[in-house]
Amino acid sequence: MTSTLLKKLNISSEAKLMGMDFYVPFLVILIAILYTCFSPDLINLQYITRIIEFVVCPIAAWWSVYLLVEHAKEKGKETNLSSNYATSNLSYGLIRVTAFFIIFLAALYTLFFAIILRYPYPYISLFNLSVIYVPQAILYCYLGFFLMTILRNITIPLFILLAYVAFKYWTMGDSIIPLYNIMSFNIDMQLYPRIIVLAIKNIAIALILAIIGHFVLAKRKI
């Protein structure tokens, strides 16, 4: 069954449907890599962490939102979930989103390698970077998927994600509003117990959102 679902997934066709929007995550990660490579000293590491947490990781939701949009319609018009795919809800939703997230992950690890090469310190390791940032990206990816299945509109999910990231950036997680922190607010890329706990919670929440989104998608039978 899995092989049949995978055969129905045409990444090249999906990318063409997104048009230039497909390249946005790559552009964001490329800018982060260039900033990393040309950072003058270790003090800039804290700015790199901010770029990853507040720009790179959230952009993981980009494809999961756009994959459920009818790209054939004119830009500027309200776009809803497409019904042009004669595939199962699983291949239409979770498998498609997960496949594109793997592509995003490959690009993200390119950034990780650039950081390790630029800052060859023992505490900046591929393992540390993976634990700190990958669970955040996973949560954003499936949060985008969840919001699209619930709201069936591209504008509102993107606005919610942008507002959340902006709010967390300005408050740095310190706010009287009890809003969950996806970010670790780590500035040195070292691994602490609280970050490990946060990583576990982020992955758990992502799985819950993915499952709920899938069942919403299945119930609507789009």
N, C-alpha and C. Protein backbone atom coordinates (compact mmCIF):
# COMPACT_ATOMS: atom_id res chain seq x y z
N MET A 1 0.83 -1.21 0.00
CA MET A 1 0.00 0.00 0.00
C MET A 1 0.87 1.26 0.00
N THR A 2 1.93 1.22 0.83
CA THR A 2 2.83 2.38 0.92
C THR A 2 3.48 2.69 -0.41
N SER A 3 3.94 1.63 -1.12
CA SER A 3 4.59 1.84 -2.41
C SER A 3 3.62 2.44 -3.43
N THR A 4 2.34 2.03 -3.35
CA THR A 4 1.33 2.59 -4.25
C THR A 4 1.12 4.07 -3.99
N LEU A 5 1.09 4.44 -2.71
CA LEU A 5 0.91 5.84 -2.35
C LEU A 5 2.09 6.68 -2.81
N LEU A 6 3.29 6.13 -2.66
CA LEU A 6 4.49 6.87 -3.04
C LEU A 6 4.55 7.07 -4.55
N LYS A 7 4.04 6.08 -5.30
CA LYS A 7 4.04 6.21 -6.76
C LYS A 7 3.15 7.36 -7.21
N LYS A 8 2.10 7.63 -6.43
CA LYS A 8 1.17 8.70 -6.78
C LYS A 8 1.74 10.08 -6.47
N LEU A 9 2.83 10.11 -5.73
CA LEU A 9 3.42 11.38 -5.34
C LEU A 9 4.38 11.84 -6.42
N ASN A 10 4.09 12.96 -7.03
CA ASN A 10 4.93 13.52 -8.09
C ASN A 10 5.48 14.85 -7.60
N ILE A 11 6.68 14.80 -7.01
CA ILE A 11 7.27 15.99 -6.42
C ILE A 11 7.53 17.07 -7.47
N SER A 12 8.00 16.64 -8.62
CA SER A 12 8.29 17.60 -9.69
C SER A 12 7.02 18.34 -10.12
N SER A 13 5.93 17.61 -10.24
CA SER A 13 4.66 18.24 -10.63
C SER A 13 4.17 19.19 -9.55
N GLU A 14 4.31 18.77 -8.29
CA GLU A 14 3.89 19.62 -7.17
C GLU A 14 4.69 20.92 -7.15
N ALA A 15 6.00 20.80 -7.39
CA ALA A 15 6.86 21.98 -7.40
C ALA A 15 6.46 22.94 -8.50
N LYS A 16 6.11 22.41 -9.67
CA LYS A 16 5.68 23.26 -10.78
C LYS A 16 4.38 23.99 -10.45
N LEU A 17 3.48 23.31 -9.74
CA LEU A 17 2.22 23.93 -9.36
C LEU A 17 2.45 25.13 -8.44
N MET A 18 3.48 25.02 -7.59
CA MET A 18 3.78 26.12 -6.67
C MET A 18 4.47 27.29 -7.36
N GLY A 19 5.06 27.04 -8.52
CA GLY A 19 5.75 28.11 -9.23
C GLY A 19 6.94 28.63 -8.45
N MET A 20 7.13 29.95 -8.45
CA MET A 20 8.25 30.55 -7.76
C MET A 20 8.16 30.39 -6.24
N ASP A 21 6.94 30.18 -5.74
CA ASP A 21 6.76 29.98 -4.30
C ASP A 21 7.52 28.75 -3.79
N PHE A 22 7.77 27.80 -4.68
CA PHE A 22 8.50 26.58 -4.29
C PHE A 22 9.90 26.90 -3.81
N TYR A 23 10.51 27.95 -4.33
CA TYR A 23 11.92 28.25 -4.04
C TYR A 23 12.12 29.12 -2.79
N VAL A 24 11.05 29.57 -2.18
CA VAL A 24 11.17 30.45 -1.02
C VAL A 24 11.98 29.82 0.13
N PRO A 25 11.67 28.59 0.56
CA PRO A 25 12.48 27.99 1.64
C PRO A 25 13.96 27.89 1.29
N PHE A 26 14.27 27.53 0.03
CA PHE A 26 15.66 27.45 -0.39
C PHE A 26 16.34 28.81 -0.31
N LEU A 27 15.62 29.85 -0.71
CA LEU A 27 16.18 31.20 -0.68
C LEU A 27 16.47 31.63 0.76
N VAL A 28 15.54 31.34 1.66
CA VAL A 28 15.72 31.70 3.07
C VAL A 28 16.94 30.99 3.65
N ILE A 29 17.07 29.70 3.37
CA ILE A 29 18.20 28.94 3.89
C ILE A 29 19.51 29.39 3.26
N LEU A 30 19.47 29.74 1.98
CA LEU A 30 20.68 30.24 1.31
C LEU A 30 21.16 31.54 1.96
N ILE A 31 20.24 32.44 2.27
CA ILE A 31 20.60 33.70 2.93
C ILE A 31 21.21 33.41 4.30
N ALA A 32 20.65 32.44 5.02
CA ALA A 32 21.20 32.05 6.33
C ALA A 32 22.60 31.48 6.19
N ILE A 33 22.83 30.70 5.14
CA ILE A 33 24.16 30.12 4.90
C ILE A 33 25.17 31.23 4.59
N LEU A 34 24.78 32.17 3.74
CA LEU A 34 25.68 33.27 3.38
C LEU A 34 26.01 34.12 4.61
N TYR A 35 25.01 34.38 5.44
CA TYR A 35 25.25 35.15 6.67
C TYR A 35 26.21 34.39 7.58
N THR A 36 26.04 33.08 7.66
CA THR A 36 26.91 32.25 8.49
C THR A 36 28.35 32.30 7.97
N CYS A 37 28.50 32.15 6.67
CA CYS A 37 29.84 32.08 6.09
C CYS A 37 30.60 33.40 6.21
N PHE A 38 29.88 34.51 6.20
CA PHE A 38 30.54 35.81 6.24
C PHE A 38 30.43 36.49 7.60
N SER A 39 30.01 35.74 8.61
CA SER A 39 29.99 36.29 9.97
C SER A 39 31.41 36.50 10.45
N PRO A 40 31.74 37.68 10.95
CA PRO A 40 33.13 37.99 11.29
C PRO A 40 33.68 37.29 12.52
N ASP A 41 32.87 37.03 13.53
CA ASP A 41 33.41 36.43 14.73
C ASP A 41 32.34 35.65 15.49
N LEU A 42 32.74 35.08 16.61
CA LEU A 42 31.88 34.20 17.39
C LEU A 42 30.66 34.91 17.95
N ILE A 43 30.77 36.21 18.18
CA ILE A 43 29.64 36.94 18.76
C ILE A 43 28.41 36.91 17.84
N ASN A 44 28.65 36.72 16.54
CA ASN A 44 27.55 36.68 15.58
C ASN A 44 26.76 35.37 15.66
N LEU A 45 27.27 34.42 16.43
CA LEU A 45 26.58 33.15 16.57
C LEU A 45 25.16 33.34 17.12
N GLN A 46 25.01 34.28 18.03
CA GLN A 46 23.68 34.52 18.61
C GLN A 46 22.69 35.04 17.58
N TYR A 47 23.19 35.79 16.59
CA TYR A 47 22.31 36.28 15.53
C TYR A 47 21.93 35.14 14.58
N ILE A 48 22.86 34.22 14.37
CA ILE A 48 22.57 33.06 13.54
C ILE A 48 21.48 32.21 14.18
N THR A 49 21.57 32.03 15.50
CA THR A 49 20.54 31.26 16.19
C THR A 49 19.17 31.92 16.07
N ARG A 50 19.15 33.23 16.12
CA ARG A 50 17.88 33.95 15.97
C ARG A 50 17.32 33.76 14.56
N ILE A 51 18.20 33.81 13.57
CA ILE A 51 17.77 33.62 12.18
C ILE A 51 17.16 32.23 12.00
N ILE A 52 17.81 31.23 12.60
CA ILE A 52 17.31 29.86 12.45
C ILE A 52 15.95 29.69 13.14
N GLU A 53 15.85 30.20 14.38
CA GLU A 53 14.63 29.99 15.15
C GLU A 53 13.44 30.83 14.70
N PHE A 54 13.73 32.02 14.21
CA PHE A 54 12.63 32.92 13.88
C PHE A 54 12.38 33.08 12.38
N VAL A 55 13.25 32.52 11.56
CA VAL A 55 13.04 32.61 10.11
C VAL A 55 13.12 31.23 9.44
N VAL A 56 14.21 30.53 9.64
CA VAL A 56 14.43 29.26 8.95
C VAL A 56 13.45 28.18 9.39
N CYS A 57 13.35 27.94 10.69
CA CYS A 57 12.44 26.90 11.17
C CYS A 57 10.98 27.18 10.82
N PRO A 58 10.48 28.41 11.01
CA PRO A 58 9.08 28.68 10.64
C PRO A 58 8.79 28.49 9.15
N ILE A 59 9.81 28.70 8.30
CA ILE A 59 9.56 28.56 6.86
C ILE A 59 9.32 27.11 6.48
N ALA A 60 9.53 26.19 7.43
CA ALA A 60 9.21 24.78 7.19
C ALA A 60 7.72 24.58 6.95
N ALA A 61 6.91 25.54 7.39
CA ALA A 61 5.46 25.46 7.18
C ALA A 61 5.05 25.90 5.78
N TRP A 62 5.96 26.52 5.06
CA TRP A 62 5.64 27.12 3.77
C TRP A 62 5.07 26.10 2.79
N TRP A 63 5.80 25.02 2.57
CA TRP A 63 5.35 24.01 1.61
C TRP A 63 4.11 23.28 2.10
N SER A 64 4.03 23.02 3.41
CA SER A 64 2.87 22.29 3.92
C SER A 64 1.59 23.09 3.74
N VAL A 65 1.71 24.41 3.69
CA VAL A 65 0.56 25.27 3.41
C VAL A 65 0.27 25.29 1.91
N TYR A 66 1.29 25.50 1.10
CA TYR A 66 1.10 25.64 -0.34
C TYR A 66 0.72 24.33 -1.03
N LEU A 67 1.07 23.20 -0.41
CA LEU A 67 0.74 21.92 -1.03
C LEU A 67 -0.76 21.66 -1.06
N LEU A 68 -1.50 22.33 -0.22
CA LEU A 68 -2.94 22.13 -0.16
C LEU A 68 -3.69 23.30 -0.80
N VAL A 69 -3.03 23.96 -1.72
CA VAL A 69 -3.63 25.12 -2.38
C VAL A 69 -3.80 24.84 -3.87
N GLU A 70 -4.87 25.32 -4.41
CA GLU A 70 -5.09 25.21 -5.86
C GLU A 70 -4.28 26.32 -6.53
N HIS A 71 -3.12 25.94 -7.11
CA HIS A 71 -2.22 26.96 -7.66
C HIS A 71 -2.65 27.44 -9.05
N ALA A 72 -3.60 26.75 -9.65
CA ALA A 72 -4.02 27.16 -10.98
C ALA A 72 -4.83 28.44 -10.96
N LYS A 73 -5.39 28.80 -9.80
CA LYS A 73 -6.20 30.01 -9.71
C LYS A 73 -5.32 31.25 -9.72
N GLU A 74 -5.91 32.36 -10.05
CA GLU A 74 -5.15 33.61 -10.10
C GLU A 74 -4.66 34.02 -8.74
N LYS A 75 -3.48 34.60 -8.69
CA LYS A 75 -2.98 35.14 -7.43
C LYS A 75 -3.84 36.34 -7.03
N GLY A 76 -4.00 36.48 -5.74
CA GLY A 76 -4.80 37.57 -5.23
C GLY A 76 -6.21 37.14 -4.93
N LYS A 77 -6.67 36.04 -5.54
CA LYS A 77 -7.99 35.53 -5.23
C LYS A 77 -7.87 34.58 -4.05
N GLU A 78 -8.94 34.37 -3.35
CA GLU A 78 -8.94 33.44 -2.24
C GLU A 78 -8.77 32.05 -2.81
N THR A 79 -7.84 31.27 -2.22
CA THR A 79 -7.58 29.92 -2.71
C THR A 79 -7.94 28.91 -1.65
N ASN A 80 -8.59 27.86 -2.08
CA ASN A 80 -9.03 26.83 -1.16
C ASN A 80 -8.32 25.51 -1.44
N LEU A 81 -8.60 24.51 -0.62
CA LEU A 81 -8.00 23.20 -0.81
C LEU A 81 -8.38 22.63 -2.17
N SER A 82 -7.37 22.11 -2.85
CA SER A 82 -7.61 21.59 -4.19
C SER A 82 -8.30 20.23 -4.15
N SER A 83 -9.16 19.99 -5.13
CA SER A 83 -9.82 18.68 -5.23
C SER A 83 -9.48 18.01 -6.56
N ASN A 84 -8.35 18.41 -7.15
CA ASN A 84 -7.98 17.89 -8.46
C ASN A 84 -7.22 16.58 -8.40
N TYR A 85 -6.85 16.14 -7.21
CA TYR A 85 -6.02 14.95 -7.09
C TYR A 85 -6.88 13.73 -6.77
N ALA A 86 -6.84 12.74 -7.65
CA ALA A 86 -7.59 11.51 -7.42
C ALA A 86 -6.74 10.54 -6.61
N THR A 87 -6.32 10.95 -5.46
CA THR A 87 -5.48 10.14 -4.59
C THR A 87 -6.16 10.00 -3.25
N SER A 88 -5.66 9.11 -2.45
CA SER A 88 -6.22 8.92 -1.12
C SER A 88 -5.88 10.12 -0.26
N ASN A 89 -6.62 10.28 0.84
CA ASN A 89 -6.37 11.39 1.75
C ASN A 89 -4.98 11.31 2.35
N LEU A 90 -4.50 10.08 2.55
CA LEU A 90 -3.18 9.91 3.15
C LEU A 90 -2.09 10.41 2.22
N SER A 91 -2.14 10.00 0.95
CA SER A 91 -1.11 10.44 0.00
C SER A 91 -1.29 11.91 -0.34
N TYR A 92 -2.56 12.37 -0.34
CA TYR A 92 -2.81 13.78 -0.64
C TYR A 92 -2.29 14.67 0.48
N GLY A 93 -2.43 14.21 1.71
CA GLY A 93 -2.06 15.04 2.85
C GLY A 93 -0.71 14.72 3.45
N LEU A 94 -0.69 13.77 4.37
CA LEU A 94 0.50 13.53 5.18
C LEU A 94 1.72 13.10 4.38
N ILE A 95 1.53 12.18 3.45
CA ILE A 95 2.69 11.69 2.68
C ILE A 95 3.29 12.81 1.84
N ARG A 96 2.42 13.60 1.22
CA ARG A 96 2.90 14.72 0.39
C ARG A 96 3.65 15.75 1.25
N VAL A 97 3.07 16.11 2.38
CA VAL A 97 3.69 17.09 3.28
C VAL A 97 5.01 16.56 3.82
N THR A 98 5.03 15.29 4.23
CA THR A 98 6.24 14.70 4.79
C THR A 98 7.35 14.60 3.75
N ALA A 99 6.99 14.26 2.52
CA ALA A 99 7.99 14.16 1.46
C ALA A 99 8.68 15.51 1.23
N PHE A 100 7.90 16.58 1.21
CA PHE A 100 8.49 17.90 1.01
C PHE A 100 9.26 18.36 2.25
N PHE A 101 8.83 17.90 3.43
CA PHE A 101 9.58 18.25 4.63
C PHE A 101 10.96 17.61 4.60
N ILE A 102 11.07 16.42 4.06
CA ILE A 102 12.37 15.75 3.94
C ILE A 102 13.29 16.57 3.04
N ILE A 103 12.74 17.14 1.98
CA ILE A 103 13.53 18.02 1.11
C ILE A 103 14.00 19.24 1.90
N PHE A 104 13.08 19.81 2.68
CA PHE A 104 13.43 20.96 3.51
C PHE A 104 14.53 20.58 4.50
N LEU A 105 14.43 19.38 5.06
CA LEU A 105 15.40 18.91 6.04
C LEU A 105 16.79 18.79 5.42
N ALA A 106 16.85 18.33 4.18
CA ALA A 106 18.14 18.23 3.48
C ALA A 106 18.77 19.61 3.33
N ALA A 107 17.96 20.61 2.99
CA ALA A 107 18.47 21.98 2.87
C ALA A 107 18.88 22.52 4.23
N LEU A 108 18.11 22.20 5.26
CA LEU A 108 18.43 22.66 6.62
C LEU A 108 19.76 22.09 7.08
N TYR A 109 20.03 20.83 6.77
CA TYR A 109 21.30 20.23 7.17
C TYR A 109 22.48 20.83 6.41
N THR A 110 22.23 21.35 5.23
CA THR A 110 23.28 22.08 4.51
C THR A 110 23.69 23.31 5.33
N LEU A 111 22.70 23.98 5.90
CA LEU A 111 22.97 25.11 6.79
C LEU A 111 23.73 24.65 8.03
N PHE A 112 23.33 23.53 8.60
CA PHE A 112 24.01 23.00 9.78
C PHE A 112 25.50 22.75 9.49
N PHE A 113 25.78 22.13 8.34
CA PHE A 113 27.18 21.85 7.98
C PHE A 113 27.96 23.15 7.80
N ALA A 114 27.31 24.17 7.25
CA ALA A 114 27.97 25.47 7.08
C ALA A 114 28.32 26.06 8.45
N ILE A 115 27.43 25.92 9.41
CA ILE A 115 27.68 26.43 10.76
C ILE A 115 28.84 25.69 11.42
N ILE A 116 28.84 24.37 11.27
CA ILE A 116 29.91 23.56 11.88
C ILE A 116 31.27 23.90 11.28
N LEU A 117 31.31 24.11 9.97
CA LEU A 117 32.56 24.45 9.31
C LEU A 117 33.03 25.86 9.68
N ARG A 118 32.07 26.77 9.84
CA ARG A 118 32.42 28.15 10.17
C ARG A 118 32.82 28.30 11.63
N TYR A 119 32.19 27.52 12.50
CA TYR A 119 32.48 27.59 13.94
C TYR A 119 32.86 26.19 14.45
N PRO A 120 34.09 25.77 14.21
CA PRO A 120 34.52 24.41 14.58
C PRO A 120 34.82 24.27 16.08
N TYR A 121 33.77 24.38 16.88
CA TYR A 121 33.92 24.25 18.33
C TYR A 121 33.24 22.97 18.79
N PRO A 122 33.77 22.33 19.83
CA PRO A 122 33.23 21.03 20.28
C PRO A 122 31.74 21.06 20.63
N TYR A 123 31.27 22.18 21.17
CA TYR A 123 29.88 22.24 21.60
C TYR A 123 28.90 22.56 20.46
N ILE A 124 29.45 22.87 19.29
CA ILE A 124 28.59 23.10 18.12
C ILE A 124 28.69 21.87 17.23
N SER A 125 27.82 20.93 17.46
CA SER A 125 27.87 19.66 16.74
C SER A 125 26.59 19.44 15.95
N LEU A 126 26.66 18.51 15.01
CA LEU A 126 25.49 18.19 14.20
C LEU A 126 24.37 17.64 15.08
N PHE A 127 24.73 16.88 16.09
CA PHE A 127 23.73 16.32 17.01
C PHE A 127 23.02 17.44 17.77
N ASN A 128 23.80 18.36 18.31
CA ASN A 128 23.20 19.48 19.05
C ASN A 128 22.26 20.29 18.18
N LEU A 129 22.71 20.62 16.98
CA LEU A 129 21.89 21.42 16.06
C LEU A 129 20.60 20.68 15.70
N SER A 130 20.72 19.37 15.54
CA SER A 130 19.55 18.56 15.19
C SER A 130 18.51 18.57 16.31
N VAL A 131 18.97 18.39 17.54
CA VAL A 131 18.06 18.35 18.68
C VAL A 131 17.42 19.72 18.92
N ILE A 132 18.19 20.78 18.74
CA ILE A 132 17.69 22.13 19.02
C ILE A 132 16.68 22.59 17.97
N TYR A 133 17.00 22.35 16.68
CA TYR A 133 16.22 23.00 15.63
C TYR A 133 15.28 22.09 14.82
N VAL A 134 15.64 20.84 14.62
CA VAL A 134 14.80 19.98 13.79
C VAL A 134 13.39 19.78 14.37
N PRO A 135 13.25 19.53 15.69
CA PRO A 135 11.89 19.41 16.24
C PRO A 135 11.06 20.67 16.05
N GLN A 136 11.69 21.84 16.08
CA GLN A 136 10.97 23.08 15.83
C GLN A 136 10.43 23.11 14.40
N ALA A 137 11.30 22.72 13.46
CA ALA A 137 10.89 22.70 12.05
C ALA A 137 9.77 21.70 11.83
N ILE A 138 9.84 20.55 12.49
CA ILE A 138 8.80 19.52 12.36
C ILE A 138 7.46 20.08 12.84
N LEU A 139 7.48 20.75 13.97
CA LEU A 139 6.24 21.30 14.51
C LEU A 139 5.65 22.37 13.59
N TYR A 140 6.48 23.24 13.07
CA TYR A 140 5.98 24.26 12.13
C TYR A 140 5.38 23.62 10.88
N CYS A 141 6.03 22.59 10.38
CA CYS A 141 5.56 21.91 9.18
C CYS A 141 4.14 21.39 9.37
N TYR A 142 3.93 20.64 10.45
CA TYR A 142 2.61 20.03 10.66
C TYR A 142 1.60 21.01 11.25
N LEU A 143 2.09 22.08 11.84
CA LEU A 143 1.18 23.15 12.26
C LEU A 143 0.57 23.81 11.02
N GLY A 144 1.41 24.05 10.01
CA GLY A 144 0.92 24.60 8.76
C GLY A 144 -0.09 23.68 8.10
N PHE A 145 0.20 22.39 8.10
CA PHE A 145 -0.71 21.39 7.54
C PHE A 145 -2.04 21.39 8.29
N PHE A 146 -1.96 21.42 9.62
CA PHE A 146 -3.16 21.43 10.46
C PHE A 146 -4.02 22.67 10.20
N LEU A 147 -3.38 23.82 10.16
CA LEU A 147 -4.12 25.07 9.95
C LEU A 147 -4.82 25.09 8.59
N MET A 148 -4.16 24.54 7.58
CA MET A 148 -4.76 24.52 6.25
C MET A 148 -5.96 23.59 6.19
N THR A 149 -5.87 22.44 6.84
CA THR A 149 -7.00 21.51 6.81
C THR A 149 -8.20 22.07 7.58
N ILE A 150 -7.92 22.86 8.61
CA ILE A 150 -8.99 23.44 9.42
C ILE A 150 -9.59 24.68 8.73
N LEU A 151 -8.72 25.57 8.26
CA LEU A 151 -9.18 26.87 7.77
C LEU A 151 -9.44 26.91 6.26
N ARG A 152 -8.82 25.98 5.51
CA ARG A 152 -9.04 25.88 4.06
C ARG A 152 -8.79 27.20 3.33
N ASN A 153 -7.80 27.92 3.77
CA ASN A 153 -7.49 29.23 3.19
C ASN A 153 -6.02 29.52 3.43
N ILE A 154 -5.34 30.05 2.44
CA ILE A 154 -3.90 30.23 2.58
C ILE A 154 -3.52 31.47 3.40
N THR A 155 -4.31 32.50 3.32
CA THR A 155 -3.97 33.77 3.95
C THR A 155 -3.95 33.68 5.47
N ILE A 156 -5.00 33.09 6.04
CA ILE A 156 -5.13 33.04 7.50
C ILE A 156 -4.03 32.21 8.16
N PRO A 157 -3.72 30.99 7.68
CA PRO A 157 -2.64 30.23 8.28
C PRO A 157 -1.30 30.95 8.24
N LEU A 158 -0.98 31.57 7.10
CA LEU A 158 0.28 32.30 7.00
C LEU A 158 0.31 33.49 7.96
N PHE A 159 -0.83 34.17 8.10
CA PHE A 159 -0.92 35.30 9.02
C PHE A 159 -0.74 34.82 10.47
N ILE A 160 -1.37 33.71 10.82
CA ILE A 160 -1.25 33.17 12.18
C ILE A 160 0.20 32.83 12.49
N LEU A 161 0.86 32.17 11.56
CA LEU A 161 2.26 31.78 11.76
C LEU A 161 3.16 33.01 11.88
N LEU A 162 2.94 33.98 11.01
CA LEU A 162 3.75 35.21 11.04
C LEU A 162 3.52 35.97 12.34
N ALA A 163 2.27 36.08 12.76
CA ALA A 163 1.95 36.79 14.00
C ALA A 163 2.57 36.09 15.20
N TYR A 164 2.52 34.77 15.20
CA TYR A 164 3.10 34.00 16.31
C TYR A 164 4.61 34.24 16.41
N VAL A 165 5.29 34.12 15.27
CA VAL A 165 6.75 34.29 15.26
C VAL A 165 7.13 35.71 15.67
N ALA A 166 6.40 36.71 15.14
CA ALA A 166 6.68 38.10 15.49
C ALA A 166 6.47 38.35 16.97
N PHE A 167 5.38 37.81 17.52
CA PHE A 167 5.09 37.97 18.95
C PHE A 167 6.19 37.36 19.81
N LYS A 168 6.63 36.16 19.43
CA LYS A 168 7.67 35.49 20.21
C LYS A 168 9.02 36.21 20.08
N TYR A 169 9.25 36.80 18.91
CA TYR A 169 10.51 37.53 18.73
C TYR A 169 10.56 38.76 19.63
N TRP A 170 9.47 39.49 19.68
CA TRP A 170 9.47 40.72 20.47
C TRP A 170 9.42 40.46 21.97
N THR A 171 8.84 39.34 22.37
CA THR A 171 8.75 39.03 23.80
C THR A 171 9.84 38.08 24.27
N MET A 172 10.49 37.39 23.33
CA MET A 172 11.50 36.38 23.62
C MET A 172 10.98 35.34 24.63
N GLY A 173 9.71 35.01 24.47
CA GLY A 173 9.10 33.98 25.28
C GLY A 173 8.66 34.44 26.65
N ASP A 174 8.97 35.68 26.99
CA ASP A 174 8.62 36.21 28.31
C ASP A 174 7.39 37.10 28.17
N SER A 175 6.21 36.52 28.38
CA SER A 175 4.97 37.26 28.21
C SER A 175 3.93 36.77 29.21
N ILE A 176 3.02 37.66 29.57
CA ILE A 176 1.96 37.28 30.48
C ILE A 176 0.91 36.42 29.77
N ILE A 177 0.95 36.42 28.44
CA ILE A 177 0.04 35.58 27.66
C ILE A 177 0.60 34.16 27.62
N PRO A 178 -0.13 33.18 28.14
CA PRO A 178 0.38 31.79 28.21
C PRO A 178 0.36 31.09 26.86
N LEU A 179 1.24 31.50 25.97
CA LEU A 179 1.30 30.94 24.62
C LEU A 179 2.53 30.05 24.52
N TYR A 180 2.33 28.84 24.08
CA TYR A 180 3.40 27.84 24.02
C TYR A 180 4.60 28.34 23.23
N ASN A 181 5.80 28.09 23.74
CA ASN A 181 7.04 28.48 23.06
C ASN A 181 7.58 27.32 22.23
N ILE A 182 7.54 27.46 20.93
CA ILE A 182 8.17 26.47 20.06
C ILE A 182 9.68 26.66 20.09
N MET A 183 10.12 27.90 20.20
CA MET A 183 11.53 28.24 20.18
C MET A 183 12.22 27.89 21.50
N SER A 184 13.51 27.64 21.42
CA SER A 184 14.31 27.38 22.62
C SER A 184 14.96 28.65 23.14
N PHE A 185 15.06 29.68 22.30
CA PHE A 185 15.72 30.94 22.63
C PHE A 185 17.17 30.71 23.05
N ASN A 186 17.77 29.71 22.42
CA ASN A 186 19.16 29.37 22.69
C ASN A 186 20.07 30.30 21.90
N ILE A 187 21.14 30.79 22.51
CA ILE A 187 22.03 31.72 21.80
C ILE A 187 23.44 31.16 21.57
N ASP A 188 23.73 29.97 22.10
CA ASP A 188 25.09 29.45 21.94
C ASP A 188 25.14 28.07 21.29
N MET A 189 23.97 27.52 20.92
CA MET A 189 23.88 26.23 20.25
C MET A 189 24.37 25.07 21.11
N GLN A 190 24.38 25.25 22.41
CA GLN A 190 24.70 24.16 23.31
C GLN A 190 23.42 23.46 23.74
N LEU A 191 23.55 22.21 24.10
CA LEU A 191 22.39 21.40 24.45
C LEU A 191 22.20 21.38 25.96
N TYR A 192 21.00 21.79 26.38
CA TYR A 192 20.65 21.81 27.81
C TYR A 192 19.45 20.89 28.04
N PRO A 193 19.27 20.42 29.28
CA PRO A 193 18.12 19.54 29.57
C PRO A 193 16.77 20.13 29.15
N ARG A 194 16.58 21.43 29.34
CA ARG A 194 15.30 22.05 28.99
C ARG A 194 15.06 21.99 27.48
N ILE A 195 16.14 22.03 26.71
CA ILE A 195 16.00 21.97 25.26
C ILE A 195 15.61 20.57 24.81
N ILE A 196 16.15 19.57 25.48
CA ILE A 196 15.79 18.18 25.18
C ILE A 196 14.31 17.96 25.46
N VAL A 197 13.85 18.47 26.60
CA VAL A 197 12.43 18.36 26.95
C VAL A 197 11.57 19.09 25.92
N LEU A 198 12.01 20.28 25.52
CA LEU A 198 11.27 21.06 24.53
C LEU A 198 11.20 20.32 23.20
N ALA A 199 12.31 19.68 22.81
CA ALA A 199 12.34 18.92 21.56
C ALA A 199 11.32 17.79 21.57
N ILE A 200 11.24 17.09 22.70
CA ILE A 200 10.28 15.99 22.83
C ILE A 200 8.85 16.52 22.74
N LYS A 201 8.59 17.63 23.42
CA LYS A 201 7.24 18.21 23.40
C LYS A 201 6.89 18.69 21.99
N ASN A 202 7.83 19.32 21.30
CA ASN A 202 7.57 19.80 19.94
C ASN A 202 7.20 18.65 19.00
N ILE A 203 7.94 17.56 19.09
CA ILE A 203 7.67 16.40 18.23
C ILE A 203 6.31 15.79 18.57
N ALA A 204 6.01 15.69 19.87
CA ALA A 204 4.73 15.12 20.29
C ALA A 204 3.56 15.97 19.79
N ILE A 205 3.67 17.28 19.93
CA ILE A 205 2.61 18.18 19.46
C ILE A 205 2.48 18.10 17.94
N ALA A 206 3.62 18.00 17.24
CA ALA A 206 3.59 17.88 15.78
C ALA A 206 2.84 16.62 15.35
N LEU A 207 3.08 15.52 16.02
CA LEU A 207 2.40 14.26 15.69
C LEU A 207 0.89 14.38 15.92
N ILE A 208 0.52 15.03 17.01
CA ILE A 208 -0.90 15.22 17.31
C ILE A 208 -1.57 16.07 16.23
N LEU A 209 -0.91 17.17 15.85
CA LEU A 209 -1.46 18.04 14.81
C LEU A 209 -1.56 17.33 13.47
N ALA A 210 -0.56 16.50 13.17
CA ALA A 210 -0.56 15.75 11.91
C ALA A 210 -1.73 14.77 11.87
N ILE A 211 -1.96 14.08 12.97
CA ILE A 211 -3.04 13.09 13.03
C ILE A 211 -4.41 13.79 12.93
N ILE A 212 -4.57 14.88 13.70
CA ILE A 212 -5.84 15.61 13.65
C ILE A 212 -6.08 16.16 12.25
N GLY A 213 -5.04 16.75 11.65
CA GLY A 213 -5.17 17.29 10.30
C GLY A 213 -5.56 16.23 9.30
N HIS A 214 -4.97 15.05 9.45
CA HIS A 214 -5.30 13.95 8.53
C HIS A 214 -6.76 13.54 8.65
N PHE A 215 -7.25 13.42 9.87
CA PHE A 215 -8.64 13.00 10.06
C PHE A 215 -9.63 14.07 9.60
N VAL A 216 -9.26 15.34 9.78
CA VAL A 216 -10.11 16.42 9.26
C VAL A 216 -10.17 16.33 7.75
N LEU A 217 -9.00 16.08 7.14
CA LEU A 217 -8.93 15.97 5.69
C LEU A 217 -9.76 14.79 5.20
N ALA A 218 -9.67 13.66 5.91
CA ALA A 218 -10.41 12.47 5.53
C ALA A 218 -11.92 12.66 5.69
N LYS A 219 -12.30 13.36 6.75
CA LYS A 219 -13.72 13.58 7.02
C LYS A 219 -14.36 14.45 5.94
N ARG A 220 -13.59 15.42 5.46
CA ARG A 220 -14.14 16.31 4.44
C ARG A 220 -14.16 15.66 3.07
N LYS A 221 -13.38 14.59 2.92
CA LYS A 221 -13.38 13.81 1.67
C LYS A 221 -13.14 14.69 0.45
N ILE A 222 -12.09 15.53 0.57
CA ILE A 222 -11.83 16.43 -0.55
C ILE A 222 -11.11 15.68 -1.67
